[in-house]
N, C-alpha and C. Protein backbone atom coordinates (compact mmCIF):
# COMPACT_ATOMS: atom_id res chain seq x y z
N MET A 1 0.82 -1.19 0.00
CA MET A 1 0.00 0.00 0.00
C MET A 1 0.87 1.26 0.00
N GLY A 2 1.97 1.24 0.75
CA GLY A 2 2.87 2.39 0.81
C GLY A 2 3.50 2.69 -0.54
N ARG A 3 3.85 1.64 -1.29
CA ARG A 3 4.43 1.85 -2.62
C ARG A 3 3.42 2.48 -3.57
N PHE A 4 2.18 2.09 -3.43
CA PHE A 4 1.13 2.64 -4.28
C PHE A 4 0.99 4.15 -4.02
N ILE A 5 1.00 4.55 -2.77
CA ILE A 5 0.89 5.98 -2.42
C ILE A 5 2.10 6.75 -2.94
N LEU A 6 3.30 6.18 -2.81
CA LEU A 6 4.50 6.84 -3.33
C LEU A 6 4.45 6.97 -4.84
N ALA A 7 3.95 5.97 -5.53
CA ALA A 7 3.83 6.03 -6.99
C ALA A 7 2.84 7.11 -7.41
N ILE A 8 1.71 7.20 -6.72
CA ILE A 8 0.71 8.24 -7.02
C ILE A 8 1.31 9.63 -6.75
N ALA A 9 2.06 9.78 -5.66
CA ALA A 9 2.68 11.06 -5.34
C ALA A 9 3.71 11.45 -6.40
N ALA A 10 4.49 10.47 -6.87
CA ALA A 10 5.49 10.76 -7.90
C ALA A 10 4.82 11.18 -9.21
N ILE A 11 3.73 10.51 -9.57
CA ILE A 11 2.99 10.86 -10.80
C ILE A 11 2.39 12.27 -10.66
N ALA A 12 1.81 12.56 -9.50
CA ALA A 12 1.22 13.89 -9.29
C ALA A 12 2.29 14.98 -9.35
N LEU A 13 3.47 14.71 -8.77
CA LEU A 13 4.57 15.67 -8.81
C LEU A 13 5.03 15.91 -10.25
N HIS A 14 5.14 14.83 -11.03
CA HIS A 14 5.53 14.98 -12.43
C HIS A 14 4.50 15.79 -13.21
N LEU A 15 3.23 15.50 -13.02
CA LEU A 15 2.19 16.25 -13.74
C LEU A 15 2.18 17.72 -13.34
N TYR A 16 2.29 17.98 -12.06
CA TYR A 16 2.29 19.36 -11.60
C TYR A 16 3.45 20.14 -12.21
N THR A 17 4.64 19.58 -12.12
CA THR A 17 5.82 20.30 -12.63
C THR A 17 5.78 20.43 -14.14
N LEU A 18 5.26 19.43 -14.84
CA LEU A 18 5.17 19.54 -16.30
C LEU A 18 4.21 20.67 -16.68
N ILE A 19 3.06 20.71 -16.06
CA ILE A 19 2.08 21.77 -16.36
C ILE A 19 2.66 23.13 -16.02
N ASP A 20 3.33 23.24 -14.87
CA ASP A 20 3.93 24.51 -14.47
C ASP A 20 5.03 24.94 -15.45
N LEU A 21 5.84 23.99 -15.86
CA LEU A 21 6.92 24.29 -16.80
C LEU A 21 6.36 24.73 -18.15
N LEU A 22 5.34 24.04 -18.64
CA LEU A 22 4.77 24.40 -19.94
C LEU A 22 4.03 25.74 -19.90
N ARG A 23 3.45 26.09 -18.79
CA ARG A 23 2.70 27.35 -18.69
C ARG A 23 3.61 28.54 -18.43
N SER A 24 4.82 28.32 -17.95
CA SER A 24 5.73 29.41 -17.64
C SER A 24 6.33 30.00 -18.91
N ARG A 25 6.57 31.30 -18.87
CA ARG A 25 7.23 31.95 -20.01
C ARG A 25 8.72 31.61 -19.97
N SER A 26 9.34 31.53 -21.13
CA SER A 26 10.76 31.15 -21.22
C SER A 26 11.65 32.09 -20.43
N GLN A 27 11.38 33.39 -20.47
CA GLN A 27 12.24 34.34 -19.77
C GLN A 27 12.03 34.31 -18.25
N ASP A 28 10.95 33.68 -17.78
CA ASP A 28 10.71 33.62 -16.34
C ASP A 28 11.36 32.40 -15.69
N VAL A 29 11.64 31.36 -16.45
CA VAL A 29 12.24 30.15 -15.89
C VAL A 29 13.68 30.46 -15.49
N ARG A 30 14.08 29.99 -14.30
CA ARG A 30 15.39 30.34 -13.75
C ARG A 30 16.45 29.29 -14.09
N LEU A 31 17.68 29.69 -14.06
CA LEU A 31 18.90 28.89 -14.11
C LEU A 31 19.20 28.24 -15.46
N LEU A 32 18.26 27.50 -16.04
CA LEU A 32 18.47 26.82 -17.32
C LEU A 32 17.39 27.26 -18.31
N PRO A 33 17.66 27.06 -19.61
CA PRO A 33 16.61 27.34 -20.59
C PRO A 33 15.43 26.37 -20.41
N LYS A 34 14.29 26.79 -20.87
CA LYS A 34 13.08 25.99 -20.69
C LYS A 34 13.21 24.61 -21.31
N TRP A 35 13.78 24.52 -22.53
CA TRP A 35 13.90 23.22 -23.22
C TRP A 35 14.80 22.28 -22.42
N LEU A 36 15.83 22.83 -21.73
CA LEU A 36 16.72 21.99 -20.93
C LEU A 36 16.01 21.49 -19.67
N TRP A 37 15.14 22.32 -19.12
CA TRP A 37 14.36 21.88 -17.96
C TRP A 37 13.42 20.73 -18.34
N LEU A 38 12.94 20.74 -19.57
CA LEU A 38 12.11 19.61 -20.02
C LEU A 38 12.90 18.31 -20.02
N LEU A 39 14.18 18.39 -20.39
CA LEU A 39 15.03 17.19 -20.35
C LEU A 39 15.29 16.75 -18.90
N VAL A 40 15.54 17.73 -18.01
CA VAL A 40 15.77 17.41 -16.60
C VAL A 40 14.49 16.81 -16.00
N TRP A 41 13.35 17.30 -16.44
CA TRP A 41 12.06 16.82 -15.93
C TRP A 41 11.89 15.31 -16.17
N LEU A 42 12.51 14.79 -17.20
CA LEU A 42 12.37 13.37 -17.52
C LEU A 42 13.00 12.45 -16.47
N LEU A 43 13.93 12.97 -15.66
CA LEU A 43 14.53 12.15 -14.60
C LEU A 43 13.45 11.79 -13.57
N PRO A 44 13.34 10.52 -13.20
CA PRO A 44 12.31 10.13 -12.24
C PRO A 44 12.52 10.81 -10.88
N VAL A 45 11.52 11.40 -10.38
CA VAL A 45 11.43 12.10 -9.10
C VAL A 45 12.46 13.22 -8.95
N LEU A 46 13.71 13.00 -9.26
CA LEU A 46 14.74 14.00 -9.10
C LEU A 46 14.51 15.21 -10.02
N GLY A 47 14.09 14.96 -11.26
CA GLY A 47 13.87 16.04 -12.23
C GLY A 47 12.84 17.05 -11.75
N PRO A 48 11.63 16.61 -11.36
CA PRO A 48 10.64 17.58 -10.87
C PRO A 48 11.07 18.30 -9.60
N VAL A 49 11.77 17.60 -8.71
CA VAL A 49 12.24 18.25 -7.47
C VAL A 49 13.26 19.33 -7.80
N LEU A 50 14.20 19.03 -8.70
CA LEU A 50 15.19 20.04 -9.10
C LEU A 50 14.52 21.25 -9.75
N TYR A 51 13.52 20.98 -10.59
CA TYR A 51 12.81 22.09 -11.24
C TYR A 51 12.11 22.96 -10.19
N LEU A 52 11.45 22.34 -9.21
CA LEU A 52 10.76 23.12 -8.18
C LEU A 52 11.74 23.95 -7.35
N LEU A 53 12.90 23.41 -7.06
CA LEU A 53 13.86 24.12 -6.23
C LEU A 53 14.65 25.18 -6.98
N ALA A 54 15.03 24.89 -8.23
CA ALA A 54 15.96 25.80 -8.92
C ALA A 54 15.42 26.44 -10.18
N GLY A 55 14.40 25.88 -10.80
CA GLY A 55 13.99 26.41 -12.09
C GLY A 55 12.65 27.09 -12.11
N GLN A 56 11.81 26.82 -11.15
CA GLN A 56 10.46 27.36 -11.14
C GLN A 56 10.49 28.89 -11.03
N PRO A 57 9.69 29.58 -11.83
CA PRO A 57 9.66 31.05 -11.75
C PRO A 57 9.16 31.51 -10.38
N ARG A 58 9.76 32.60 -9.91
CA ARG A 58 9.33 33.17 -8.63
C ARG A 58 8.11 34.06 -8.81
N VAL A 59 8.00 34.72 -9.94
CA VAL A 59 6.84 35.56 -10.25
C VAL A 59 6.34 35.17 -11.62
N GLY A 60 5.10 35.58 -11.93
CA GLY A 60 4.56 35.30 -13.26
C GLY A 60 4.07 33.87 -13.40
N ARG A 61 3.23 33.44 -12.45
CA ARG A 61 2.73 32.07 -12.47
C ARG A 61 1.72 31.86 -13.59
N ALA A 62 1.02 32.88 -13.96
CA ALA A 62 0.00 32.74 -15.01
C ALA A 62 0.67 32.76 -16.37
N PRO A 63 0.01 32.21 -17.40
CA PRO A 63 0.61 32.19 -18.73
C PRO A 63 0.96 33.57 -19.25
N GLY A 64 0.20 34.58 -18.89
CA GLY A 64 0.48 35.93 -19.36
C GLY A 64 1.48 36.67 -18.51
N GLY A 65 2.00 36.05 -17.48
CA GLY A 65 2.95 36.72 -16.60
C GLY A 65 2.22 37.45 -15.51
N GLY A 66 2.82 38.48 -14.99
CA GLY A 66 2.22 39.25 -13.91
C GLY A 66 2.65 38.70 -12.57
N GLY A 67 2.27 39.39 -11.53
CA GLY A 67 2.64 38.97 -10.18
C GLY A 67 1.71 37.91 -9.66
N GLY A 68 2.02 37.45 -8.49
CA GLY A 68 1.18 36.44 -7.85
C GLY A 68 -0.13 37.08 -7.41
N GLY A 69 -1.21 36.52 -7.81
CA GLY A 69 -2.51 37.05 -7.44
C GLY A 69 -2.95 36.51 -6.11
N PRO A 70 -4.17 36.83 -5.72
CA PRO A 70 -4.68 36.29 -4.47
C PRO A 70 -4.74 34.78 -4.54
N GLY A 71 -4.23 34.12 -3.56
CA GLY A 71 -4.24 32.68 -3.54
C GLY A 71 -3.06 32.06 -4.26
N GLY A 72 -2.25 32.85 -4.93
CA GLY A 72 -1.08 32.33 -5.63
C GLY A 72 0.06 32.10 -4.67
N ILE A 73 1.09 31.40 -5.14
CA ILE A 73 2.23 31.11 -4.28
C ILE A 73 3.47 31.83 -4.79
N ALA A 74 3.31 32.73 -5.71
CA ALA A 74 4.47 33.41 -6.27
C ALA A 74 5.18 34.22 -5.19
N GLY A 75 6.49 34.31 -5.29
CA GLY A 75 7.27 34.96 -4.25
C GLY A 75 7.45 36.44 -4.44
N GLY A 76 6.98 37.00 -5.51
CA GLY A 76 7.16 38.42 -5.78
C GLY A 76 6.25 39.28 -4.94
N PRO A 77 6.47 40.59 -4.94
CA PRO A 77 5.61 41.46 -4.16
C PRO A 77 4.22 41.52 -4.75
N ARG A 78 3.26 41.53 -3.89
CA ARG A 78 1.86 41.61 -4.34
C ARG A 78 1.44 43.07 -4.37
N PRO A 79 0.59 43.41 -5.32
CA PRO A 79 0.12 44.79 -5.36
C PRO A 79 -0.72 45.08 -4.12
N ARG A 80 -0.43 46.20 -3.47
CA ARG A 80 -1.17 46.58 -2.29
C ARG A 80 -2.29 47.51 -2.69
N GLY A 81 -3.36 47.43 -2.00
CA GLY A 81 -4.47 48.32 -2.27
C GLY A 81 -5.76 47.71 -1.78
N PRO A 82 -6.83 48.47 -1.86
CA PRO A 82 -8.11 47.99 -1.38
C PRO A 82 -8.61 46.80 -2.19
N VAL A 83 -9.25 45.89 -1.51
CA VAL A 83 -9.80 44.72 -2.17
C VAL A 83 -11.25 44.97 -2.52
N ALA A 84 -11.97 45.61 -1.65
CA ALA A 84 -13.39 45.88 -1.86
C ALA A 84 -13.63 47.38 -1.74
N PRO A 85 -14.74 47.88 -2.31
CA PRO A 85 -14.99 49.32 -2.24
C PRO A 85 -15.05 49.85 -0.81
N ASP A 86 -15.56 49.07 0.12
CA ASP A 86 -15.66 49.58 1.48
C ASP A 86 -14.32 49.57 2.21
N ASP A 87 -13.25 49.10 1.57
CA ASP A 87 -11.91 49.18 2.13
C ASP A 87 -11.13 50.36 1.55
N ASP A 88 -11.69 51.04 0.57
CA ASP A 88 -11.02 52.13 -0.12
C ASP A 88 -11.31 53.44 0.60
N PRO A 89 -10.30 54.10 1.17
CA PRO A 89 -10.56 55.34 1.90
C PRO A 89 -11.13 56.45 1.02
N GLU A 90 -10.70 56.52 -0.23
CA GLU A 90 -11.23 57.55 -1.13
C GLU A 90 -12.72 57.32 -1.40
N PHE A 91 -13.11 56.08 -1.59
CA PHE A 91 -14.51 55.74 -1.83
C PHE A 91 -15.35 56.11 -0.60
N LEU A 92 -14.85 55.77 0.58
CA LEU A 92 -15.59 56.06 1.81
C LEU A 92 -15.73 57.57 2.01
N LYS A 93 -14.67 58.32 1.70
CA LYS A 93 -14.73 59.77 1.85
C LYS A 93 -15.76 60.36 0.88
N ARG A 94 -15.72 59.90 -0.37
CA ARG A 94 -16.67 60.38 -1.38
C ARG A 94 -18.11 60.03 -0.98
N LEU A 95 -18.32 58.84 -0.44
CA LEU A 95 -19.63 58.41 0.00
C LEU A 95 -20.12 59.28 1.15
N ASP A 96 -19.23 59.60 2.08
CA ASP A 96 -19.59 60.45 3.21
C ASP A 96 -19.96 61.85 2.73
N GLU A 97 -19.19 62.38 1.79
CA GLU A 97 -19.48 63.72 1.26
C GLU A 97 -20.82 63.75 0.54
N GLN A 98 -21.10 62.70 -0.23
CA GLN A 98 -22.38 62.64 -0.93
C GLN A 98 -23.55 62.56 0.05
N SER A 99 -23.37 61.76 1.10
CA SER A 99 -24.40 61.62 2.11
C SER A 99 -24.64 62.95 2.82
N TRP A 100 -23.55 63.63 3.16
CA TRP A 100 -23.65 64.92 3.83
C TRP A 100 -24.34 65.95 2.93
N ALA A 101 -23.96 65.97 1.66
CA ALA A 101 -24.58 66.93 0.74
C ALA A 101 -26.07 66.65 0.58
N ALA A 102 -26.45 65.39 0.49
CA ALA A 102 -27.87 65.04 0.35
C ALA A 102 -28.64 65.45 1.60
N ARG A 103 -28.05 65.25 2.77
CA ARG A 103 -28.72 65.61 4.00
C ARG A 103 -28.89 67.13 4.12
N MET A 104 -27.86 67.87 3.76
CA MET A 104 -27.95 69.32 3.82
C MET A 104 -29.01 69.84 2.83
N GLU A 105 -29.09 69.23 1.68
CA GLU A 105 -30.10 69.62 0.69
C GLU A 105 -31.50 69.34 1.23
N GLN A 106 -31.67 68.22 1.90
CA GLN A 106 -32.97 67.87 2.48
C GLN A 106 -33.35 68.88 3.57
N LEU A 107 -32.39 69.23 4.42
CA LEU A 107 -32.67 70.22 5.46
C LEU A 107 -33.01 71.59 4.86
N ARG A 108 -32.29 71.97 3.82
CA ARG A 108 -32.57 73.25 3.16
C ARG A 108 -33.99 73.26 2.61
N ARG A 109 -34.40 72.18 1.98
CA ARG A 109 -35.76 72.10 1.43
C ARG A 109 -36.80 72.14 2.53
N GLN A 110 -36.53 71.48 3.66
CA GLN A 110 -37.48 71.50 4.77
C GLN A 110 -37.61 72.90 5.33
N ARG A 111 -36.50 73.61 5.46
CA ARG A 111 -36.56 74.97 5.98
C ARG A 111 -37.33 75.89 5.04
N GLU A 112 -37.07 75.74 3.73
CA GLU A 112 -37.77 76.58 2.75
C GLU A 112 -39.26 76.28 2.75
N SER A 113 -39.63 75.02 2.82
CA SER A 113 -41.05 74.67 2.81
C SER A 113 -41.70 75.08 4.13
N GLY A 114 -40.97 75.05 5.22
CA GLY A 114 -41.50 75.48 6.52
C GLY A 114 -41.74 76.96 6.55
N ARG A 115 -40.89 77.77 5.98
CA ARG A 115 -41.06 79.22 5.94
C ARG A 115 -42.20 79.61 5.02
N GLY A 116 -42.34 78.87 3.90
CA GLY A 116 -43.40 79.18 2.95
C GLY A 116 -44.77 78.87 3.52
N ALA A 117 -44.87 77.95 4.47
CA ALA A 117 -46.16 77.58 5.05
C ALA A 117 -46.42 78.35 6.33
N GLY A 118 -45.63 79.35 6.62
CA GLY A 118 -45.87 80.17 7.80
C GLY A 118 -44.99 79.79 8.97
N GLY A 119 -44.18 78.83 8.84
CA GLY A 119 -43.30 78.43 9.93
C GLY A 119 -42.13 79.38 10.01
N ALA A 120 -41.78 79.76 11.20
CA ALA A 120 -40.64 80.65 11.37
C ALA A 120 -39.64 79.99 12.31
N GLY A 121 -38.40 80.25 12.10
CA GLY A 121 -37.38 79.70 12.98
C GLY A 121 -36.75 78.44 12.40
N PRO A 122 -35.65 78.09 12.99
CA PRO A 122 -34.92 76.93 12.46
C PRO A 122 -35.58 75.62 12.85
N LEU A 123 -35.23 74.58 12.15
CA LEU A 123 -35.72 73.25 12.48
C LEU A 123 -34.97 72.72 13.69
N PRO A 124 -35.62 71.88 14.49
CA PRO A 124 -34.92 71.32 15.64
C PRO A 124 -33.86 70.32 15.17
N PRO A 125 -32.85 70.07 16.00
CA PRO A 125 -31.83 69.08 15.61
C PRO A 125 -32.43 67.68 15.57
N ASP A 126 -31.70 66.76 14.96
CA ASP A 126 -32.19 65.38 14.86
C ASP A 126 -32.44 64.80 16.25
N GLY A 127 -33.50 64.04 16.36
CA GLY A 127 -33.81 63.39 17.61
C GLY A 127 -34.69 64.25 18.52
N ALA A 128 -34.76 65.56 18.28
CA ALA A 128 -35.61 66.44 19.09
C ALA A 128 -37.02 66.38 18.54
N PRO A 129 -38.00 66.57 19.39
CA PRO A 129 -39.37 66.56 18.88
C PRO A 129 -39.60 67.74 17.95
N GLY A 130 -40.42 67.54 17.00
CA GLY A 130 -40.72 68.57 16.02
C GLY A 130 -41.58 69.67 16.61
N PRO A 131 -41.98 70.65 15.80
CA PRO A 131 -42.81 71.74 16.31
C PRO A 131 -44.15 71.18 16.79
N GLN A 132 -44.62 71.75 17.90
CA GLN A 132 -45.88 71.30 18.48
C GLN A 132 -47.05 71.84 17.66
N ALA A 133 -48.09 71.02 17.57
CA ALA A 133 -49.30 71.47 16.87
C ALA A 133 -49.99 72.52 17.73
N PRO A 134 -50.59 73.53 17.11
CA PRO A 134 -51.28 74.57 17.90
C PRO A 134 -52.49 73.94 18.61
N PRO A 135 -52.86 74.50 19.75
CA PRO A 135 -54.02 73.96 20.46
C PRO A 135 -55.28 74.18 19.64
N PRO A 136 -56.28 73.33 19.83
CA PRO A 136 -57.50 73.50 19.04
C PRO A 136 -58.16 74.85 19.33
N ALA A 137 -58.76 75.39 18.31
CA ALA A 137 -59.42 76.70 18.46
C ALA A 137 -60.62 76.54 19.38
N ARG A 138 -60.83 77.56 20.21
CA ARG A 138 -61.97 77.47 21.13
C ARG A 138 -63.10 78.38 20.63
N ALA A 139 -64.22 78.04 21.03
CA ALA A 139 -65.39 78.84 20.64
C ALA A 139 -65.36 80.17 21.38
N PRO A 140 -65.98 81.20 20.82
CA PRO A 140 -65.93 82.52 21.46
C PRO A 140 -66.60 82.54 22.83
N ASP A 141 -67.56 81.67 23.10
CA ASP A 141 -68.25 81.73 24.38
C ASP A 141 -67.56 80.89 25.45
N GLU A 142 -66.47 80.17 25.12
CA GLU A 142 -65.80 79.34 26.11
C GLU A 142 -64.75 80.15 26.86
N ALA A 143 -64.52 79.76 28.10
CA ALA A 143 -63.50 80.40 28.89
C ALA A 143 -62.14 79.80 28.50
N PRO A 144 -61.03 80.50 28.76
CA PRO A 144 -59.74 80.01 28.36
C PRO A 144 -59.36 78.65 28.96
N GLY A 145 -59.78 78.30 30.13
CA GLY A 145 -59.40 77.03 30.74
C GLY A 145 -60.31 75.88 30.35
N GLU A 146 -61.45 76.18 29.75
CA GLU A 146 -62.42 75.12 29.44
C GLU A 146 -62.06 74.47 28.11
N GLY A 147 -62.33 73.19 28.04
CA GLY A 147 -62.11 72.50 26.78
C GLY A 147 -63.44 72.14 26.15
N ALA A 148 -63.42 71.71 24.97
CA ALA A 148 -64.65 71.33 24.27
C ALA A 148 -64.98 69.90 24.67
N THR A 149 -65.81 69.75 25.69
CA THR A 149 -66.18 68.42 26.15
C THR A 149 -67.66 68.20 25.92
N ARG A 150 -68.04 67.99 24.76
CA ARG A 150 -69.46 67.79 24.46
C ARG A 150 -69.66 66.45 23.89
């Protein structure tokens, strides 16, 4: 059983290194030319191990080159920067400014509509109760303390 597992591991190692070697650009492969690494790869077990240690590119794992992306194992520097919009400080600042501008516009409209309807004075701050409704009009024959209880 142990020999079977070793044989499967050797086959997997050969396949992995062959695919990696074929996908790598010629100028990215280290130490030897790409065609020579293919010859070294033919050596049982030793060839793929040598390629992984000495010939495998450090950067440019993808066929088109470039640095190691997220989840890659490339040894080169990864580009730093926000991953999602909510991690971008410029985006958050712009969002805050837009929110503030919209809120100020809403307050301006409320003040203008309040003045046009006879309301005077500034609006209360958020969380404060709004302007109180005027007391109901009383009949001319009622006394000031009496209410309409009919």
